[in-house]
Protein backbone atom coordinates (compact mmCIF):
# COMPACT_ATOMS: atom_id res chain seq x y z
CA MET A 1 -18.88 51.27 -68.21
CA THR A 2 -17.86 53.83 -70.74
CA TYR A 3 -16.06 56.97 -69.65
CA GLN A 4 -16.97 60.22 -71.36
CA GLU A 5 -14.05 62.08 -72.94
CA ARG A 6 -11.87 58.93 -72.74
CA ASN A 7 -11.40 56.12 -75.16
CA ASN A 8 -11.88 53.51 -72.43
CA SER A 9 -14.68 51.11 -71.55
CA PHE A 10 -15.11 47.78 -69.76
CA ASP A 11 -17.75 45.24 -68.79
CA GLU A 12 -18.41 44.14 -65.25
CA HIS A 13 -20.65 41.27 -64.14
CA GLY A 14 -22.43 40.76 -60.84
CA SER A 15 -25.82 41.15 -59.20
CA TRP A 16 -28.04 43.93 -57.92
CA GLU A 17 -30.68 44.47 -55.25
CA ILE A 18 -32.99 47.25 -54.11
CA SER A 19 -33.30 48.07 -50.42
CA LYS A 20 -36.48 47.12 -48.58
CA ASN A 21 -37.57 50.77 -48.51
CA GLY A 22 -37.03 51.04 -52.30
CA LYS A 23 -34.66 54.01 -52.01
CA ILE A 24 -31.23 52.42 -52.60
CA LEU A 25 -29.92 50.28 -55.48
CA MET A 26 -26.80 48.23 -54.72
CA LEU A 27 -24.65 46.81 -57.51
CA LYS A 28 -22.50 43.89 -56.40
CA ALA A 29 -19.70 43.22 -58.86
CA ALA A 30 -18.03 39.84 -59.03
CA ARG A 31 -14.84 41.68 -57.97
CA GLY A 32 -14.36 44.86 -55.98
CA ARG A 33 -16.61 46.83 -53.67
CA PRO A 34 -20.36 47.17 -54.08
CA GLN A 35 -21.64 50.46 -55.53
CA GLN A 36 -24.69 52.20 -54.09
CA PHE A 37 -27.13 54.55 -55.79
CA SER A 38 -30.07 56.45 -54.36
CA ILE A 39 -33.30 56.45 -56.40
CA PRO A 40 -34.56 60.07 -56.24
CA ASP A 41 -37.22 59.47 -58.92
CA ALA A 42 -38.30 56.95 -61.57
CA ASP A 43 -35.78 58.30 -64.12
CA THR A 44 -32.69 58.93 -61.96
CA LEU A 45 -30.02 56.99 -60.08
CA ARG A 46 -27.55 59.03 -57.97
CA GLN A 47 -24.21 57.46 -57.07
CA LEU A 48 -23.43 57.35 -53.34
CA ASP A 49 -20.07 57.15 -51.59
CA ALA A 50 -18.72 53.98 -49.92
CA ASN A 51 -20.69 54.82 -46.75
CA GLY A 52 -24.00 55.28 -48.58
CA HIS A 53 -24.00 59.10 -48.44
CA GLU A 54 -24.46 61.57 -51.30
CA ILE A 55 -21.17 62.63 -52.85
CA GLN A 56 -20.38 66.29 -52.21
CA SER A 57 -18.73 67.46 -55.42
CA LYS A 58 -19.00 69.94 -58.27
CA PHE A 59 -19.43 66.92 -60.59
CA ASN A 60 -22.80 65.41 -61.49
CA TYR A 61 -23.19 61.84 -60.20
CA ASP A 62 -26.71 61.35 -61.60
CA LEU A 63 -27.53 58.67 -64.16
CA LYS A 64 -30.64 59.45 -66.23
CA ARG A 65 -32.87 56.92 -67.95
CA ALA A 66 -32.39 56.84 -71.72
CA SER A 67 -35.41 57.66 -73.86
CA ALA A 68 -34.98 54.41 -75.82
CA PHE A 69 -33.55 50.98 -75.06
CA ALA A 70 -30.12 50.27 -76.55
CA SER A 71 -29.15 46.60 -76.61
CA LEU A 72 -25.67 45.76 -75.31
CA ALA A 73 -25.51 42.94 -77.86
CA SER A 74 -25.30 45.47 -80.69
CA LYS A 75 -22.16 47.12 -79.28
């Protein structure tokens, strides 16, 4: 993870799975709580709260697919 507007980043390892209905992605870190994301379309993941609901906030919790692949090995 890299935080915008901060000089801070870290790596986290774990596993992931998609719900049977194909609408939720769950990231399971080796430590800490799982994170859930809805899949509104093929190019977007939207972070959900700890109960699996959309976060009500003025901030944007959408992750958009990059136009090109960027290898983590090069960073």
